[in-house]
Amino acid sequence: MPRAGKQSRKSRKKRKPPIQVRFGKILFDLVLFFLAFTVIPVLTYRVINPPTTALLWMRWAEAGYVESHPRFFKRWVRLDRISPHLVRAVIAAEDQKFFYHRGFDWRAIEGAIKVNLYTDRTVGASTISMQTARNVFLWQKRNWLRKSLEVWFTVLIEALWTKERILEVYLNVIEWGDSLFGCETASRHYFKHACETLSPVEAAWMASVLPSPRSWSVMNPQPHVADRQSKILRAMNRVQIPVRY
């Protein structure tokens, strides 16, 4: 009897799944975990406003952990309560094809690659969707991991959110100046009134600093900022946006 027991244990060991099967199971579990870890937050933020982002906490740390520095969004504004002039100005400045692509402006990406390869300049081709994905779900430092995740999250928000939701989140989470997050906070800081009542000129000024909001100034604009504001103001009338905007 003891010998039969030993043989039974040996036979069970022999029936152990091959390494390919075990590796496949581990890989499958990792894929499921990755999907859950990325898809669930995107679905959540489709209906719930993000309370904070990694950038808010990074800026708080850079400021020396000052209590007065914002770590959470306090003035979230629905898209229908944001001035259509600001919507138009931001699209004119950042992504004129926003309503007509699925997250990536391939022509702009191709142009940026050529400029970066063959000149001393460095330019980007991030759409509003890509910037939203980066600002809400990721960190700011550039590397291949972040860029890869940025692409993935862009695909997710384009698939699971509406264009209106992407715009609303974008306008409420991006940086508009030093310690200024969200269009309502920025509008009240710069122009002393709600972003719902921004004029075309004011909206163009706010959009003009988005490439570098902590070094470019709305209130004391550098020459290149003033030039950019003028171009945005002219482009706002040419941008093709659905009639509701």
C-alpha atoms as a PDB file:
ATOM      1  CA  MET A   1       0.000   0.000   0.000  1.00  0.00           C
ATOM      2  CA  PRO A   2       2.684   2.587   0.798  1.00  0.00           C
ATOM      3  CA  ARG A   3       4.334   1.783  -2.550  1.00  0.00           C
ATOM      4  CA  ALA A   4       1.017   2.412  -4.371  1.00  0.00           C
ATOM      5  CA  GLY A   5       0.744   5.785  -2.626  1.00  0.00           C
ATOM      6  CA  LYS A   6       4.186   6.785  -3.837  1.00  0.00           C
ATOM      7  CA  GLN A   7       3.306   5.770  -7.382  1.00  0.00           C
ATOM      8  CA  SER A   8       0.118   7.820  -7.222  1.00  0.00           C
ATOM      9  CA  ARG A   9       2.069  10.919  -6.137  1.00  0.00           C
ATOM     10  CA  LYS A  10       4.565  10.375  -8.946  1.00  0.00           C
ATOM     11  CA  SER A  11       1.781  10.095 -11.518  1.00  0.00           C
ATOM     12  CA  ARG A  12       0.280  13.361 -10.291  1.00  0.00           C
ATOM     13  CA  LYS A  13       3.650  15.067 -10.713  1.00  0.00           C
ATOM     14  CA  LYS A  14       3.903  13.748 -14.250  1.00  0.00           C
ATOM     15  CA  ARG A  15       0.508  15.265 -15.113  1.00  0.00           C
ATOM     16  CA  LYS A  16       1.742  18.789 -14.275  1.00  0.00           C
ATOM     17  CA  PRO A  17       0.850  21.200 -17.145  1.00  0.00           C
ATOM     18  CA  PRO A  18       3.706  21.871 -19.568  1.00  0.00           C
ATOM     19  CA  ILE A  19       5.644  25.098 -19.174  1.00  0.00           C
ATOM     20  CA  GLN A  20       4.041  26.577 -22.305  1.00  0.00           C
ATOM     21  CA  VAL A  21       0.601  26.196 -20.751  1.00  0.00           C
ATOM     22  CA  ARG A  22       1.714  27.716 -17.458  1.00  0.00           C
ATOM     23  CA  PHE A  23       3.431  30.599 -19.243  1.00  0.00           C
ATOM     24  CA  GLY A  24       0.295  31.164 -21.325  1.00  0.00           C
ATOM     25  CA  LYS A  25      -1.843  31.287 -18.182  1.00  0.00           C
ATOM     26  CA  ILE A  26       0.488  33.806 -16.533  1.00  0.00           C
ATOM     27  CA  LEU A  27       0.474  35.943 -19.678  1.00  0.00           C
ATOM     28  CA  PHE A  28      -3.319  35.757 -19.878  1.00  0.00           C
ATOM     29  CA  ASP A  29      -3.625  36.831 -16.231  1.00  0.00           C
ATOM     30  CA  LEU A  30      -1.250  39.754 -16.833  1.00  0.00           C
ATOM     31  CA  VAL A  31      -3.269  40.899 -19.854  1.00  0.00           C
ATOM     32  CA  LEU A  32      -6.485  40.712 -17.831  1.00  0.00           C
ATOM     33  CA  PHE A  33      -4.884  42.694 -15.007  1.00  0.00           C
ATOM     34  CA  PHE A  34      -3.604  45.345 -17.441  1.00  0.00           C
ATOM     35  CA  LEU A  35      -7.010  45.681 -19.079  1.00  0.00           C
ATOM     36  CA  ALA A  36      -8.757  45.998 -15.721  1.00  0.00           C
ATOM     37  CA  PHE A  37      -6.147  48.476 -14.463  1.00  0.00           C
ATOM     38  CA  THR A  38      -6.627  50.721 -17.513  1.00  0.00           C
ATOM     39  CA  VAL A  39     -10.192  50.220 -18.723  1.00  0.00           C
ATOM     40  CA  ILE A  40     -11.913  50.552 -15.331  1.00  0.00           C
ATOM     41  CA  PRO A  41     -10.512  54.071 -14.591  1.00  0.00           C
ATOM     42  CA  VAL A  42     -11.449  55.228 -18.097  1.00  0.00           C
ATOM     43  CA  LEU A  43     -15.002  53.925 -17.675  1.00  0.00           C
ATOM     44  CA  THR A  44     -15.194  55.519 -14.225  1.00  0.00           C
ATOM     45  CA  TYR A  45     -14.110  58.930 -15.483  1.00  0.00           C
ATOM     46  CA  ARG A  46     -16.632  58.736 -18.278  1.00  0.00           C
ATOM     47  CA  VAL A  47     -19.295  59.639 -15.698  1.00  0.00           C
ATOM     48  CA  ILE A  48     -17.297  60.794 -12.645  1.00  0.00           C
ATOM     49  CA  ASN A  49     -15.003  63.813 -12.745  1.00  0.00           C
ATOM     50  CA  PRO A  50     -11.351  63.055 -11.918  1.00  0.00           C
ATOM     51  CA  PRO A  51     -10.723  64.408  -8.402  1.00  0.00           C
ATOM     52  CA  THR A  52      -6.978  64.845  -8.934  1.00  0.00           C
ATOM     53  CA  THR A  53      -4.080  63.924 -11.230  1.00  0.00           C
ATOM     54  CA  ALA A  54      -0.445  62.947 -10.895  1.00  0.00           C
ATOM     55  CA  LEU A  55       0.583  66.379 -12.203  1.00  0.00           C
ATOM     56  CA  LEU A  56      -1.192  68.159  -9.349  1.00  0.00           C
ATOM     57  CA  TRP A  57       0.782  66.156  -6.796  1.00  0.00           C
ATOM     58  CA  MET A  58       4.026  66.577  -8.697  1.00  0.00           C
ATOM     59  CA  ARG A  59       3.581  70.360  -8.744  1.00  0.00           C
ATOM     60  CA  TRP A  60       2.750  70.275  -5.026  1.00  0.00           C
ATOM     61  CA  ALA A  61       6.006  68.433  -4.344  1.00  0.00           C
ATOM     62  CA  GLU A  62       7.956  70.871  -6.527  1.00  0.00           C
ATOM     63  CA  ALA A  63       6.428  73.769  -4.556  1.00  0.00           C
ATOM     64  CA  GLY A  64       7.776  72.327  -1.296  1.00  0.00           C
ATOM     65  CA  TYR A  65       4.557  70.652  -0.106  1.00  0.00           C
ATOM     66  CA  VAL A  66       2.888  73.986   0.581  1.00  0.00           C
ATOM     67  CA  GLU A  67      -0.618  73.479   1.964  1.00  0.00           C
ATOM     68  CA  SER A  68      -2.068  76.250  -0.185  1.00  0.00           C
ATOM     69  CA  HIS A  69      -0.946  74.558  -3.401  1.00  0.00           C
ATOM     70  CA  PRO A  70      -3.868  72.750  -5.096  1.00  0.00           C
ATOM     71  CA  ARG A  71      -3.945  68.966  -4.957  1.00  0.00           C
ATOM     72  CA  PHE A  72      -7.561  68.459  -5.967  1.00  0.00           C
ATOM     73  CA  PHE A  73      -9.824  70.097  -8.523  1.00  0.00           C
ATOM     74  CA  LYS A  74     -12.220  72.478  -6.780  1.00  0.00           C
ATOM     75  CA  ARG A  75     -13.982  74.272  -9.641  1.00  0.00           C
ATOM     76  CA  TRP A  76     -15.171  71.729 -12.173  1.00  0.00           C
ATOM     77  CA  VAL A  77     -17.344  73.246 -14.910  1.00  0.00           C
ATOM     78  CA  ARG A  78     -19.623  71.344 -17.272  1.00  0.00           C
ATOM     79  CA  LEU A  79     -18.923  71.840 -20.956  1.00  0.00           C
ATOM     80  CA  ASP A  80     -22.215  73.653 -21.504  1.00  0.00           C
ATOM     81  CA  ARG A  81     -21.131  76.198 -18.873  1.00  0.00           C
ATOM     82  CA  ILE A  82     -17.815  76.946 -20.583  1.00  0.00           C
ATOM     83  CA  SER A  83     -17.666  79.786 -23.074  1.00  0.00           C
ATOM     84  CA  PRO A  84     -17.906  78.487 -26.648  1.00  0.00           C
ATOM     85  CA  HIS A  85     -15.208  81.062 -27.442  1.00  0.00           C
ATOM     86  CA  LEU A  86     -12.781  79.175 -25.187  1.00  0.00           C
ATOM     87  CA  VAL A  87     -13.715  75.846 -26.785  1.00  0.00           C
ATOM     88  CA  ARG A  88     -13.112  77.352 -30.216  1.00  0.00           C
ATOM     89  CA  ALA A  89      -9.849  79.041 -29.166  1.00  0.00           C
ATOM     90  CA  VAL A  90      -8.388  75.870 -27.662  1.00  0.00           C
ATOM     91  CA  ILE A  91      -9.284  73.796 -30.705  1.00  0.00           C
ATOM     92  CA  ALA A  92      -7.844  76.488 -32.997  1.00  0.00           C
ATOM     93  CA  ALA A  93      -4.631  76.522 -30.967  1.00  0.00           C
ATOM     94  CA  GLU A  94      -4.121  72.869 -30.127  1.00  0.00           C
ATOM     95  CA  ASP A  95      -6.004  70.543 -32.466  1.00  0.00           C
ATOM     96  CA  GLN A  96      -8.059  71.927 -35.340  1.00  0.00           C
ATOM     97  CA  LYS A  97      -9.064  68.428 -36.502  1.00  0.00           C
ATOM     98  CA  PHE A  98     -10.249  67.342 -33.053  1.00  0.00           C
ATOM     99  CA  PHE A  99     -13.805  66.515 -34.097  1.00  0.00           C
ATOM    100  CA  TYR A 100     -12.673  64.709 -37.227  1.00  0.00           C
ATOM    101  CA  HIS A 101     -10.033  62.233 -36.050  1.00  0.00           C
ATOM    102  CA  ARG A 102     -10.062  59.266 -33.705  1.00  0.00           C
ATOM    103  CA  GLY A 103      -7.370  60.493 -31.361  1.00  0.00           C
ATOM    104  CA  PHE A 104      -4.383  60.826 -33.695  1.00  0.00           C
ATOM    105  CA  ASP A 105      -3.626  63.367 -36.404  1.00  0.00           C
ATOM    106  CA  TRP A 106      -1.456  61.152 -38.592  1.00  0.00           C
ATOM    107  CA  ARG A 107      -0.470  63.914 -40.999  1.00  0.00           C
ATOM    108  CA  ALA A 108       0.729  66.088 -38.113  1.00  0.00           C
ATOM    109  CA  ILE A 109       2.601  63.124 -36.610  1.00  0.00           C
ATOM    110  CA  GLU A 110       4.329  62.444 -39.931  1.00  0.00           C
ATOM    111  CA  GLY A 111       5.315  66.096 -40.224  1.00  0.00           C
ATOM    112  CA  ALA A 112       6.646  66.191 -36.663  1.00  0.00           C
ATOM    113  CA  ILE A 113       8.754  63.074 -37.271  1.00  0.00           C
ATOM    114  CA  LYS A 114      10.342  64.656 -40.349  1.00  0.00           C
ATOM    115  CA  VAL A 115      11.096  67.906 -38.512  1.00  0.00           C
ATOM    116  CA  ASN A 116      12.591  66.070 -35.528  1.00  0.00           C
ATOM    117  CA  LEU A 117      14.726  63.812 -37.743  1.00  0.00           C
ATOM    118  CA  TYR A 118      16.066  66.328 -40.219  1.00  0.00           C
ATOM    119  CA  THR A 119      16.286  69.603 -38.284  1.00  0.00           C
ATOM    120  CA  ASP A 120      17.546  70.835 -34.918  1.00  0.00           C
ATOM    121  CA  ARG A 121      14.009  71.657 -33.838  1.00  0.00           C
ATOM    122  CA  THR A 122      11.828  69.436 -31.676  1.00  0.00           C
ATOM    123  CA  VAL A 123       8.113  69.574 -32.289  1.00  0.00           C
ATOM    124  CA  GLY A 124       5.212  67.497 -31.067  1.00  0.00           C
ATOM    125  CA  ALA A 125       1.946  66.407 -32.632  1.00  0.00           C
ATOM    126  CA  SER A 126      -0.189  65.664 -29.574  1.00  0.00           C
ATOM    127  CA  THR A 127      -3.902  65.986 -30.137  1.00  0.00           C
ATOM    128  CA  ILE A 128      -6.323  67.151 -27.457  1.00  0.00           C
ATOM    129  CA  SER A 129      -7.226  63.497 -26.875  1.00  0.00           C
ATOM    130  CA  MET A 130      -3.577  62.553 -26.362  1.00  0.00           C
ATOM    131  CA  GLN A 131      -3.040  65.473 -23.986  1.00  0.00           C
ATOM    132  CA  THR A 132      -6.137  64.486 -22.025  1.00  0.00           C
ATOM    133  CA  ALA A 133      -4.928  60.888 -21.709  1.00  0.00           C
ATOM    134  CA  ARG A 134      -1.528  62.062 -20.510  1.00  0.00           C
ATOM    135  CA  ASN A 135      -2.832  64.654 -18.048  1.00  0.00           C
ATOM    136  CA  VAL A 136      -5.473  62.430 -16.459  1.00  0.00           C
ATOM    137  CA  PHE A 137      -3.849  58.996 -16.340  1.00  0.00           C
ATOM    138  CA  LEU A 138      -0.077  59.383 -16.696  1.00  0.00           C
ATOM    139  CA  TRP A 139       3.010  61.328 -15.706  1.00  0.00           C
ATOM    140  CA  GLN A 140       4.687  64.140 -17.675  1.00  0.00           C
ATOM    141  CA  LYS A 141       8.257  62.917 -18.126  1.00  0.00           C
ATOM    142  CA  ARG A 142       8.898  61.749 -21.682  1.00  0.00           C
ATOM    143  CA  ASN A 143       9.993  58.183 -22.286  1.00  0.00           C
ATOM    144  CA  TRP A 144       8.899  55.278 -24.461  1.00  0.00           C
ATOM    145  CA  LEU A 145       6.825  53.672 -21.714  1.00  0.00           C
ATOM    146  CA  ARG A 146       4.799  56.813 -21.156  1.00  0.00           C
ATOM    147  CA  LYS A 147       4.329  57.407 -24.883  1.00  0.00           C
ATOM    148  CA  SER A 148       3.156  53.818 -25.352  1.00  0.00           C
ATOM    149  CA  LEU A 149       0.668  54.117 -22.491  1.00  0.00           C
ATOM    150  CA  GLU A 150      -0.421  57.507 -23.811  1.00  0.00           C
ATOM    151  CA  VAL A 151      -1.317  55.899 -27.134  1.00  0.00           C
ATOM    152  CA  TRP A 152      -3.251  53.137 -25.357  1.00  0.00           C
ATOM    153  CA  PHE A 153      -5.204  55.507 -23.115  1.00  0.00           C
ATOM    154  CA  THR A 154      -5.950  57.726 -26.120  1.00  0.00           C
ATOM    155  CA  VAL A 155      -7.480  54.734 -27.895  1.00  0.00           C
ATOM    156  CA  LEU A 156      -9.531  53.963 -24.780  1.00  0.00           C
ATOM    157  CA  ILE A 157     -10.947  57.443 -24.221  1.00  0.00           C
ATOM    158  CA  GLU A 158     -11.758  57.850 -27.899  1.00  0.00           C
ATOM    159  CA  ALA A 159     -13.634  54.539 -27.794  1.00  0.00           C
ATOM    160  CA  LEU A 160     -15.350  54.936 -24.421  1.00  0.00           C
ATOM    161  CA  TRP A 161     -15.904  58.707 -24.073  1.00  0.00           C
ATOM    162  CA  THR A 162     -17.673  61.167 -26.320  1.00  0.00           C
ATOM    163  CA  LYS A 163     -15.768  64.024 -27.918  1.00  0.00           C
ATOM    164  CA  GLU A 164     -17.677  66.374 -25.627  1.00  0.00           C
ATOM    165  CA  ARG A 165     -16.504  64.469 -22.550  1.00  0.00           C
ATOM    166  CA  ILE A 166     -12.899  64.579 -23.744  1.00  0.00           C
ATOM    167  CA  LEU A 167     -13.150  68.346 -24.209  1.00  0.00           C
ATOM    168  CA  GLU A 168     -14.770  68.878 -20.818  1.00  0.00           C
ATOM    169  CA  VAL A 169     -12.133  66.861 -18.983  1.00  0.00           C
ATOM    170  CA  TYR A 170      -9.309  68.490 -20.933  1.00  0.00           C
ATOM    171  CA  LEU A 171     -10.453  72.040 -20.158  1.00  0.00           C
ATOM    172  CA  ASN A 172     -10.904  71.226 -16.463  1.00  0.00           C
ATOM    173  CA  VAL A 173      -7.629  69.401 -15.753  1.00  0.00           C
ATOM    174  CA  ILE A 174      -4.905  71.066 -17.807  1.00  0.00           C
ATOM    175  CA  GLU A 175      -2.457  73.611 -16.459  1.00  0.00           C
ATOM    176  CA  TRP A 176      -3.134  77.249 -17.416  1.00  0.00           C
ATOM    177  CA  GLY A 177      -0.394  78.873 -15.347  1.00  0.00           C
ATOM    178  CA  ASP A 178       1.638  78.397 -12.188  1.00  0.00           C
ATOM    179  CA  SER A 179      -0.692  76.633  -9.689  1.00  0.00           C
ATOM    180  CA  LEU A 180      -3.636  77.242 -12.034  1.00  0.00           C
ATOM    181  CA  PHE A 181      -5.507  74.075 -12.983  1.00  0.00           C
ATOM    182  CA  GLY A 182      -8.800  74.130 -14.838  1.00  0.00           C
ATOM    183  CA  CYS A 183     -10.352  76.818 -17.002  1.00  0.00           C
ATOM    184  CA  GLU A 184     -12.623  78.203 -14.274  1.00  0.00           C
ATOM    185  CA  THR A 185      -9.746  78.823 -11.873  1.00  0.00           C
ATOM    186  CA  ALA A 186      -7.659  80.375 -14.651  1.00  0.00           C
ATOM    187  CA  SER A 187     -10.474  82.600 -15.908  1.00  0.00           C
ATOM    188  CA  ARG A 188     -11.193  83.970 -12.444  1.00  0.00           C
ATOM    189  CA  HIS A 189      -7.487  84.529 -11.834  1.00  0.00           C
ATOM    190  CA  TYR A 190      -6.774  86.296 -15.126  1.00  0.00           C
ATOM    191  CA  PHE A 191     -10.040  88.099 -15.880  1.00  0.00           C
ATOM    192  CA  LYS A 192     -11.964  88.092 -12.583  1.00  0.00           C
ATOM    193  CA  HIS A 193     -15.060  86.367 -13.955  1.00  0.00           C
ATOM    194  CA  ALA A 194     -16.363  82.897 -14.766  1.00  0.00           C
ATOM    195  CA  CYS A 195     -15.124  81.062 -17.824  1.00  0.00           C
ATOM    196  CA  GLU A 196     -18.716  80.957 -19.085  1.00  0.00           C
ATOM    197  CA  THR A 197     -18.467  84.663 -19.943  1.00  0.00           C
ATOM    198  CA  LEU A 198     -15.032  84.730 -21.579  1.00  0.00           C
ATOM    199  CA  SER A 199     -14.876  86.925 -24.676  1.00  0.00           C
ATOM    200  CA  PRO A 200     -13.143  85.790 -27.889  1.00  0.00           C
ATOM    201  CA  VAL A 201     -10.130  87.969 -27.080  1.00  0.00           C
ATOM    202  CA  GLU A 202      -9.837  86.639 -23.518  1.00  0.00           C
ATOM    203  CA  ALA A 203     -10.284  83.058 -24.701  1.00  0.00           C
ATOM    204  CA  ALA A 204      -7.517  83.498 -27.275  1.00  0.00           C
ATOM    205  CA  TRP A 205      -5.195  84.854 -24.582  1.00  0.00           C
ATOM    206  CA  MET A 206      -5.807  81.808 -22.395  1.00  0.00           C
ATOM    207  CA  ALA A 207      -5.267  79.392 -25.278  1.00  0.00           C
ATOM    208  CA  SER A 208      -2.086  81.187 -26.335  1.00  0.00           C
ATOM    209  CA  VAL A 209      -0.107  80.038 -23.274  1.00  0.00           C
ATOM    210  CA  LEU A 210      -1.066  76.346 -23.318  1.00  0.00           C
ATOM    211  CA  PRO A 211       2.206  75.061 -24.835  1.00  0.00           C
ATOM    212  CA  SER A 212       4.134  76.429 -21.844  1.00  0.00           C
ATOM    213  CA  PRO A 213       1.695  77.739 -19.224  1.00  0.00           C
ATOM    214  CA  ARG A 214       4.206  78.225 -16.412  1.00  0.00           C
ATOM    215  CA  SER A 215       6.661  80.330 -18.430  1.00  0.00           C
ATOM    216  CA  TRP A 216       4.373  82.096 -20.906  1.00  0.00           C
ATOM    217  CA  SER A 217       2.243  84.884 -19.480  1.00  0.00           C
ATOM    218  CA  VAL A 218      -1.343  85.944 -20.123  1.00  0.00           C
ATOM    219  CA  MET A 219      -1.128  89.152 -18.110  1.00  0.00           C
ATOM    220  CA  ASN A 220       2.337  90.240 -19.277  1.00  0.00           C
ATOM    221  CA  PRO A 221       2.607  88.431 -22.609  1.00  0.00           C
ATOM    222  CA  GLN A 222       5.955  87.999 -24.289  1.00  0.00           C
ATOM    223  CA  PRO A 223       6.093  89.017 -27.981  1.00  0.00           C
ATOM    224  CA  HIS A 224       5.731  85.445 -29.205  1.00  0.00           C
ATOM    225  CA  VAL A 225       2.690  84.950 -26.955  1.00  0.00           C
ATOM    226  CA  ALA A 226       1.050  88.109 -28.296  1.00  0.00           C
ATOM    227  CA  ASP A 227       1.756  86.933 -31.840  1.00  0.00           C
ATOM    228  CA  ARG A 228       0.291  83.522 -31.069  1.00  0.00           C
ATOM    229  CA  GLN A 229      -2.827  85.113 -29.547  1.00  0.00           C
ATOM    230  CA  SER A 230      -3.412  87.128 -32.714  1.00  0.00           C
ATOM    231  CA  LYS A 231      -3.088  84.014 -34.874  1.00  0.00           C
ATOM    232  CA  ILE A 232      -5.487  82.066 -32.649  1.00  0.00           C
ATOM    233  CA  LEU A 233      -8.008  84.888 -32.765  1.00  0.00           C
ATOM    234  CA  ARG A 234      -7.925  84.882 -36.569  1.00  0.00           C
ATOM    235  CA  ALA A 235      -8.073  81.072 -36.753  1.00  0.00           C
ATOM    236  CA  MET A 236     -11.093  80.796 -34.446  1.00  0.00           C
ATOM    237  CA  ASN A 237     -13.434  81.872 -37.259  1.00  0.00           C
ATOM    238  CA  ARG A 238     -11.979  79.313 -39.658  1.00  0.00           C
ATOM    239  CA  VAL A 239     -12.112  76.267 -37.394  1.00  0.00           C
ATOM    240  CA  GLN A 240     -14.776  73.774 -38.447  1.00  0.00           C
ATOM    241  CA  ILE A 241     -16.704  72.761 -35.335  1.00  0.00           C
ATOM    242  CA  PRO A 242     -20.094  71.002 -35.107  1.00  0.00           C
ATOM    243  CA  VAL A 243     -22.990  73.467 -35.081  1.00  0.00           C
ATOM    244  CA  ARG A 244     -23.742  73.025 -31.357  1.00  0.00           C
ATOM    245  CA  TYR A 245     -20.473  74.859 -30.652  1.00  0.00           C
END
